[in-house]
N, C-alpha and C. Protein backbone atom coordinates (compact mmCIF):
# COMPACT_ATOMS: atom_id res chain seq x y z
N MET A 1 0.83 -1.19 0.00
CA MET A 1 0.00 0.00 0.00
C MET A 1 0.88 1.26 0.00
N LEU A 2 1.95 1.23 0.80
CA LEU A 2 2.88 2.36 0.86
C LEU A 2 3.57 2.55 -0.48
N ALA A 3 3.97 1.46 -1.11
CA ALA A 3 4.63 1.54 -2.42
C ALA A 3 3.67 2.12 -3.45
N GLY A 4 2.40 1.76 -3.38
CA GLY A 4 1.41 2.31 -4.30
C GLY A 4 1.23 3.80 -4.10
N LEU A 5 1.22 4.24 -2.85
CA LEU A 5 1.08 5.66 -2.54
C LEU A 5 2.28 6.45 -3.06
N VAL A 6 3.47 5.93 -2.85
CA VAL A 6 4.70 6.60 -3.31
C VAL A 6 4.71 6.67 -4.83
N SER A 7 4.36 5.57 -5.50
CA SER A 7 4.37 5.58 -6.97
C SER A 7 3.33 6.55 -7.52
N MET A 8 2.17 6.66 -6.86
CA MET A 8 1.16 7.61 -7.30
C MET A 8 1.66 9.04 -7.14
N MET A 9 2.35 9.34 -6.04
CA MET A 9 2.89 10.68 -5.83
C MET A 9 3.93 11.01 -6.88
N ILE A 10 4.77 10.05 -7.23
CA ILE A 10 5.78 10.27 -8.27
C ILE A 10 5.11 10.50 -9.61
N TRP A 11 4.06 9.74 -9.90
CA TRP A 11 3.34 9.90 -11.16
C TRP A 11 2.71 11.28 -11.25
N VAL A 12 2.07 11.73 -10.20
CA VAL A 12 1.44 13.05 -10.19
C VAL A 12 2.49 14.14 -10.35
N ALA A 13 3.61 14.01 -9.68
CA ALA A 13 4.69 15.00 -9.80
C ALA A 13 5.26 15.00 -11.21
N LYS A 14 5.40 13.86 -11.81
CA LYS A 14 5.94 13.77 -13.17
C LYS A 14 5.02 14.42 -14.18
N VAL A 15 3.72 14.29 -14.00
CA VAL A 15 2.77 14.92 -14.92
C VAL A 15 3.00 16.42 -14.94
N ASP A 16 3.22 17.05 -13.79
CA ASP A 16 3.46 18.48 -13.72
C ASP A 16 4.83 18.85 -14.28
N ILE A 17 5.82 18.01 -14.06
CA ILE A 17 7.17 18.29 -14.55
C ILE A 17 7.22 18.24 -16.07
N ASP A 18 6.50 17.30 -16.67
CA ASP A 18 6.52 17.13 -18.12
C ASP A 18 5.77 18.24 -18.86
N ARG A 19 4.93 18.96 -18.18
CA ARG A 19 4.13 20.00 -18.82
C ARG A 19 5.01 21.20 -19.15
N GLU A 20 4.75 21.81 -20.31
CA GLU A 20 5.51 22.99 -20.73
C GLU A 20 4.65 24.23 -20.53
N TYR A 21 5.32 25.35 -20.24
CA TYR A 21 4.62 26.58 -19.89
C TYR A 21 5.10 27.75 -20.73
N ASP A 22 4.22 28.73 -20.86
CA ASP A 22 4.56 30.04 -21.39
C ASP A 22 4.49 31.02 -20.23
N PHE A 23 5.35 32.03 -20.23
CA PHE A 23 5.40 33.02 -19.16
C PHE A 23 5.00 34.39 -19.69
N TYR A 24 4.27 35.14 -18.86
CA TYR A 24 3.78 36.47 -19.22
C TYR A 24 3.89 37.40 -18.02
N THR A 25 3.88 38.69 -18.31
CA THR A 25 3.84 39.72 -17.27
C THR A 25 2.56 40.52 -17.44
N ILE A 26 1.95 40.88 -16.31
CA ILE A 26 0.76 41.72 -16.30
C ILE A 26 1.01 42.86 -15.32
N TYR A 27 0.70 44.08 -15.72
CA TYR A 27 0.79 45.24 -14.83
C TYR A 27 -0.61 45.68 -14.46
N PHE A 28 -0.90 45.70 -13.15
CA PHE A 28 -2.18 46.18 -12.66
C PHE A 28 -1.98 47.58 -12.10
N GLY A 29 -2.90 48.48 -12.42
CA GLY A 29 -2.80 49.87 -12.00
C GLY A 29 -3.41 50.14 -10.65
N GLY A 30 -3.45 49.20 -9.78
CA GLY A 30 -4.02 49.39 -8.45
C GLY A 30 -3.72 48.19 -7.59
N PRO A 31 -4.37 48.10 -6.45
CA PRO A 31 -4.09 47.00 -5.53
C PRO A 31 -4.55 45.65 -6.09
N VAL A 32 -3.85 44.61 -5.68
CA VAL A 32 -4.18 43.24 -6.08
C VAL A 32 -4.54 42.44 -4.82
N THR A 33 -5.39 43.02 -4.01
CA THR A 33 -5.78 42.43 -2.74
C THR A 33 -6.34 41.02 -2.95
N GLY A 34 -5.85 40.08 -2.15
CA GLY A 34 -6.34 38.71 -2.22
C GLY A 34 -5.59 37.83 -3.20
N LEU A 35 -4.76 38.41 -4.04
CA LEU A 35 -3.97 37.63 -4.99
C LEU A 35 -2.68 37.18 -4.32
N SER A 36 -2.32 35.94 -4.51
CA SER A 36 -1.09 35.44 -3.88
C SER A 36 -0.26 34.66 -4.89
N ARG A 37 0.99 34.51 -4.55
CA ARG A 37 1.87 33.67 -5.36
C ARG A 37 1.27 32.28 -5.37
N SER A 38 1.26 31.64 -6.47
CA SER A 38 0.64 30.33 -6.74
C SER A 38 -0.87 30.42 -6.86
N GLY A 39 -1.41 31.66 -6.95
CA GLY A 39 -2.83 31.83 -7.18
C GLY A 39 -3.21 31.39 -8.59
N ASP A 40 -4.48 31.16 -8.82
CA ASP A 40 -4.95 30.65 -10.10
C ASP A 40 -4.90 31.71 -11.20
N VAL A 41 -4.65 31.22 -12.42
CA VAL A 41 -4.81 32.00 -13.63
C VAL A 41 -5.80 31.22 -14.48
N ARG A 42 -6.84 31.90 -14.96
CA ARG A 42 -7.87 31.23 -15.75
C ARG A 42 -8.05 31.93 -17.08
N PHE A 43 -8.35 31.15 -18.09
CA PHE A 43 -8.64 31.68 -19.41
C PHE A 43 -10.09 31.34 -19.71
N ASN A 44 -10.94 32.37 -19.82
CA ASN A 44 -12.38 32.18 -20.01
C ASN A 44 -12.96 31.22 -18.98
N GLY A 45 -12.50 31.32 -17.73
CA GLY A 45 -13.03 30.53 -16.64
C GLY A 45 -12.38 29.18 -16.43
N ILE A 46 -11.47 28.79 -17.30
CA ILE A 46 -10.82 27.48 -17.20
C ILE A 46 -9.41 27.67 -16.65
N TYR A 47 -9.05 26.85 -15.66
CA TYR A 47 -7.72 26.92 -15.05
C TYR A 47 -6.65 26.63 -16.10
N VAL A 48 -5.70 27.56 -16.24
CA VAL A 48 -4.61 27.37 -17.22
C VAL A 48 -3.23 27.63 -16.64
N GLY A 49 -3.12 28.04 -15.37
CA GLY A 49 -1.79 28.30 -14.83
C GLY A 49 -1.82 28.93 -13.45
N THR A 50 -0.65 29.47 -13.06
CA THR A 50 -0.50 30.03 -11.73
C THR A 50 0.28 31.34 -11.76
N VAL A 51 0.12 32.08 -10.67
CA VAL A 51 0.89 33.31 -10.46
C VAL A 51 2.28 32.90 -9.96
N GLN A 52 3.32 33.42 -10.58
CA GLN A 52 4.69 33.08 -10.20
C GLN A 52 5.34 34.13 -9.31
N GLY A 53 4.94 35.38 -9.47
CA GLY A 53 5.54 36.43 -8.66
C GLY A 53 4.69 37.69 -8.65
N ILE A 54 4.75 38.40 -7.52
CA ILE A 54 4.03 39.67 -7.37
C ILE A 54 4.99 40.66 -6.73
N GLN A 55 5.11 41.83 -7.35
CA GLN A 55 5.98 42.87 -6.78
C GLN A 55 5.56 44.23 -7.32
N LEU A 56 6.01 45.27 -6.65
CA LEU A 56 5.77 46.62 -7.14
C LEU A 56 6.60 46.85 -8.40
N ASP A 57 6.05 47.61 -9.32
CA ASP A 57 6.78 47.97 -10.53
C ASP A 57 7.92 48.91 -10.14
N GLU A 58 9.12 48.59 -10.53
CA GLU A 58 10.29 49.40 -10.16
C GLU A 58 10.23 50.80 -10.77
N LYS A 59 9.61 50.93 -11.95
CA LYS A 59 9.53 52.21 -12.63
C LYS A 59 8.38 53.07 -12.14
N ASP A 60 7.31 52.43 -11.66
CA ASP A 60 6.12 53.14 -11.22
C ASP A 60 5.50 52.38 -10.04
N PRO A 61 5.81 52.79 -8.80
CA PRO A 61 5.33 52.05 -7.63
C PRO A 61 3.81 52.05 -7.44
N SER A 62 3.07 52.81 -8.25
CA SER A 62 1.61 52.75 -8.15
C SER A 62 1.05 51.54 -8.91
N ARG A 63 1.92 50.88 -9.69
CA ARG A 63 1.51 49.69 -10.43
C ARG A 63 2.08 48.44 -9.77
N VAL A 64 1.40 47.32 -9.95
CA VAL A 64 1.85 46.04 -9.43
C VAL A 64 2.20 45.15 -10.61
N LYS A 65 3.40 44.59 -10.56
CA LYS A 65 3.88 43.69 -11.62
C LYS A 65 3.60 42.25 -11.18
N VAL A 66 2.86 41.52 -12.01
CA VAL A 66 2.52 40.13 -11.72
C VAL A 66 3.05 39.26 -12.85
N GLU A 67 3.85 38.27 -12.49
CA GLU A 67 4.36 37.32 -13.48
C GLU A 67 3.58 36.03 -13.35
N ILE A 68 3.14 35.50 -14.49
CA ILE A 68 2.33 34.28 -14.49
C ILE A 68 2.95 33.24 -15.42
N ARG A 69 2.56 31.99 -15.19
CA ARG A 69 2.91 30.94 -16.14
C ARG A 69 1.62 30.22 -16.49
N VAL A 70 1.45 29.97 -17.78
CA VAL A 70 0.25 29.29 -18.26
C VAL A 70 0.66 28.11 -19.12
N PHE A 71 -0.23 27.14 -19.25
CA PHE A 71 0.06 25.97 -20.06
C PHE A 71 0.37 26.40 -21.49
N MET A 72 1.43 25.81 -22.05
CA MET A 72 1.80 26.12 -23.42
C MET A 72 0.61 25.77 -24.32
N GLY A 73 0.33 26.66 -25.24
CA GLY A 73 -0.80 26.45 -26.14
C GLY A 73 -2.05 27.20 -25.75
N THR A 74 -2.04 27.85 -24.57
CA THR A 74 -3.17 28.68 -24.19
C THR A 74 -3.29 29.81 -25.21
N PRO A 75 -4.46 30.03 -25.80
CA PRO A 75 -4.58 30.98 -26.91
C PRO A 75 -4.55 32.45 -26.50
N ILE A 76 -3.43 32.88 -25.93
CA ILE A 76 -3.27 34.29 -25.55
C ILE A 76 -2.71 35.04 -26.75
N THR A 77 -3.39 36.12 -27.13
CA THR A 77 -2.98 36.92 -28.28
C THR A 77 -2.75 38.37 -27.85
N LYS A 78 -2.45 39.20 -28.82
CA LYS A 78 -2.25 40.62 -28.54
C LYS A 78 -3.52 41.29 -28.04
N ARG A 79 -4.67 40.69 -28.30
CA ARG A 79 -5.95 41.27 -27.89
C ARG A 79 -6.44 40.73 -26.55
N SER A 80 -5.68 39.85 -25.92
CA SER A 80 -6.07 39.29 -24.62
C SER A 80 -5.98 40.35 -23.54
N VAL A 81 -6.88 40.25 -22.56
CA VAL A 81 -6.93 41.21 -21.47
C VAL A 81 -7.06 40.46 -20.15
N ALA A 82 -6.30 40.88 -19.15
CA ALA A 82 -6.33 40.25 -17.83
C ALA A 82 -7.09 41.14 -16.85
N THR A 83 -7.93 40.52 -16.03
CA THR A 83 -8.62 41.23 -14.97
C THR A 83 -8.43 40.46 -13.67
N LEU A 84 -8.53 41.17 -12.57
CA LEU A 84 -8.44 40.54 -11.26
C LEU A 84 -9.86 40.26 -10.79
N GLU A 85 -10.17 39.01 -10.53
CA GLU A 85 -11.51 38.61 -10.12
C GLU A 85 -11.46 38.00 -8.72
N VAL A 86 -12.57 38.03 -8.03
CA VAL A 86 -12.67 37.47 -6.68
C VAL A 86 -13.51 36.21 -6.75
N LEU A 87 -13.04 35.15 -6.09
CA LEU A 87 -13.74 33.88 -6.07
C LEU A 87 -14.77 33.88 -4.95
N GLY A 88 -16.03 34.02 -5.31
CA GLY A 88 -17.11 34.01 -4.32
C GLY A 88 -16.96 35.09 -3.27
N LEU A 89 -17.28 34.77 -2.03
CA LEU A 89 -17.17 35.73 -0.94
C LEU A 89 -15.93 35.48 -0.08
N THR A 90 -15.05 34.61 -0.54
CA THR A 90 -13.89 34.22 0.26
C THR A 90 -12.81 35.29 0.30
N GLY A 91 -12.78 36.17 -0.68
CA GLY A 91 -11.74 37.19 -0.74
C GLY A 91 -10.51 36.73 -1.50
N VAL A 92 -10.48 35.46 -1.92
CA VAL A 92 -9.36 34.94 -2.69
C VAL A 92 -9.50 35.44 -4.13
N SER A 93 -8.44 36.03 -4.65
CA SER A 93 -8.48 36.58 -6.00
C SER A 93 -7.75 35.66 -6.97
N PHE A 94 -8.14 35.76 -8.22
CA PHE A 94 -7.45 35.04 -9.28
C PHE A 94 -7.41 35.94 -10.51
N ILE A 95 -6.57 35.59 -11.45
CA ILE A 95 -6.45 36.37 -12.68
C ILE A 95 -7.29 35.70 -13.76
N GLN A 96 -8.17 36.48 -14.36
CA GLN A 96 -9.02 36.00 -15.45
C GLN A 96 -8.51 36.63 -16.74
N ILE A 97 -8.14 35.80 -17.69
CA ILE A 97 -7.71 36.29 -19.00
C ILE A 97 -8.82 35.98 -19.99
N SER A 98 -9.21 37.00 -20.74
CA SER A 98 -10.22 36.78 -21.76
C SER A 98 -9.69 37.33 -23.07
N SER A 99 -10.23 36.80 -24.13
CA SER A 99 -9.78 37.21 -25.44
C SER A 99 -10.92 37.10 -26.42
N ASP A 100 -11.14 38.15 -27.17
CA ASP A 100 -12.18 38.15 -28.18
C ASP A 100 -11.50 37.96 -29.53
N ILE A 101 -11.29 36.69 -29.88
CA ILE A 101 -10.52 36.41 -31.09
C ILE A 101 -11.34 35.55 -32.05
N THR A 102 -11.01 35.69 -33.31
CA THR A 102 -11.59 34.82 -34.33
C THR A 102 -10.55 33.76 -34.68
N GLN A 103 -10.92 32.81 -35.48
CA GLN A 103 -9.99 31.73 -35.86
C GLN A 103 -8.74 32.28 -36.54
N SER A 104 -8.89 33.27 -37.44
CA SER A 104 -7.73 33.81 -38.15
C SER A 104 -6.82 34.60 -37.21
N GLU A 105 -7.40 35.27 -36.21
CA GLU A 105 -6.59 36.03 -35.26
C GLU A 105 -5.85 35.13 -34.29
N ALA A 106 -6.33 33.92 -34.10
CA ALA A 106 -5.68 32.99 -33.17
C ALA A 106 -4.28 32.64 -33.65
N GLU A 107 -4.03 32.79 -34.94
CA GLU A 107 -2.71 32.47 -35.48
C GLU A 107 -1.66 33.52 -35.12
N GLU A 108 -2.07 34.74 -34.77
CA GLU A 108 -1.10 35.78 -34.42
C GLU A 108 -0.44 35.51 -33.08
N ARG A 109 -1.04 34.68 -32.26
CA ARG A 109 -0.54 34.20 -30.98
C ARG A 109 -0.20 35.31 -30.00
N ALA A 110 0.84 35.05 -29.24
CA ALA A 110 1.15 35.87 -28.06
C ALA A 110 1.66 37.26 -28.43
N PRO A 111 1.49 38.19 -27.49
CA PRO A 111 2.05 39.53 -27.68
C PRO A 111 3.57 39.47 -27.69
N SER A 112 4.18 40.47 -28.29
CA SER A 112 5.65 40.51 -28.35
C SER A 112 6.23 40.94 -27.00
N ILE A 113 7.52 40.74 -26.85
CA ILE A 113 8.21 41.11 -25.61
C ILE A 113 8.69 42.55 -25.74
N PRO A 114 8.16 43.47 -24.92
CA PRO A 114 8.61 44.86 -24.97
C PRO A 114 10.07 44.99 -24.51
N LYS A 115 10.70 46.05 -24.95
CA LYS A 115 12.08 46.31 -24.56
C LYS A 115 12.17 46.46 -23.04
N GLY A 116 13.13 45.79 -22.44
CA GLY A 116 13.33 45.87 -21.00
C GLY A 116 12.52 44.87 -20.20
N GLU A 117 11.73 44.03 -20.86
CA GLU A 117 10.90 43.03 -20.18
C GLU A 117 11.47 41.63 -20.43
N ASP A 118 11.21 40.74 -19.49
CA ASP A 118 11.63 39.35 -19.64
C ASP A 118 10.62 38.53 -20.42
N TYR A 119 9.33 38.90 -20.31
CA TYR A 119 8.25 38.13 -20.90
C TYR A 119 7.29 39.05 -21.65
N PRO A 120 6.46 38.49 -22.53
CA PRO A 120 5.42 39.31 -23.17
C PRO A 120 4.48 39.89 -22.11
N VAL A 121 3.92 41.06 -22.39
CA VAL A 121 3.04 41.74 -21.45
C VAL A 121 1.59 41.64 -21.92
N ILE A 122 0.72 41.19 -21.03
CA ILE A 122 -0.71 41.13 -21.29
C ILE A 122 -1.34 42.39 -20.72
N ALA A 123 -2.19 43.04 -21.51
CA ALA A 123 -2.89 44.24 -21.04
C ALA A 123 -3.83 43.88 -19.90
N SER A 124 -4.09 44.84 -19.02
CA SER A 124 -5.01 44.59 -17.90
C SER A 124 -6.06 45.69 -17.85
N ARG A 125 -7.13 45.38 -17.17
CA ARG A 125 -8.18 46.37 -16.92
C ARG A 125 -8.85 46.03 -15.59
N VAL A 126 -9.50 47.02 -15.02
CA VAL A 126 -10.24 46.81 -13.78
C VAL A 126 -11.56 46.15 -14.16
N GLY A 127 -11.92 45.12 -13.42
CA GLY A 127 -13.15 44.42 -13.77
C GLY A 127 -13.82 43.82 -12.56
N GLY A 128 -15.04 43.38 -12.75
CA GLY A 128 -15.78 42.65 -11.72
C GLY A 128 -15.98 43.43 -10.45
N ILE A 129 -15.81 42.74 -9.33
CA ILE A 129 -16.01 43.30 -7.99
C ILE A 129 -15.01 44.43 -7.74
N GLN A 130 -13.80 44.30 -8.28
CA GLN A 130 -12.77 45.32 -8.05
C GLN A 130 -13.23 46.68 -8.55
N SER A 131 -13.86 46.75 -9.71
CA SER A 131 -14.32 48.02 -10.24
C SER A 131 -15.44 48.59 -9.37
N LEU A 132 -16.27 47.73 -8.84
CA LEU A 132 -17.35 48.17 -7.96
C LEU A 132 -16.80 48.77 -6.67
N VAL A 133 -15.79 48.10 -6.10
CA VAL A 133 -15.19 48.56 -4.84
C VAL A 133 -14.45 49.88 -5.04
N THR A 134 -13.70 50.01 -6.14
CA THR A 134 -12.92 51.23 -6.33
C THR A 134 -13.77 52.43 -6.69
N THR A 135 -14.96 52.21 -7.25
CA THR A 135 -15.82 53.35 -7.63
C THR A 135 -16.86 53.68 -6.56
N ALA A 136 -16.99 52.82 -5.56
CA ALA A 136 -17.99 53.07 -4.51
C ALA A 136 -17.54 54.21 -3.62
N PRO A 137 -18.49 55.02 -3.12
CA PRO A 137 -18.12 56.13 -2.25
C PRO A 137 -17.66 55.64 -0.89
């Protein structure tokens, strides 16, 4: 039984090791309350990756720099937009990436890497509960 448990753990770990990832950077223009390292990244509601790092932008401390990794092949294009969403009433936040693309636009793939960046940058916008909270009196 112990050998079966150990082999299952190795198998599960190997599945994650064999998977390939793409890395992106997102800049949020406000607080990212509830978002944590290893938090979820979703594309149209489907889990596709995790948050790898969160830090203040060195050039503009009013922005937060978030680095993510997503499964290779996730259809992120130049028109993709990231928003910070809250999961239910728990206060746990995750990144939601959405993209309004057609089949022909899907071929353009990921955004390019801007000068001075390590990874391509996904545009962000305020959305969901966050926009309600920031605009409330």
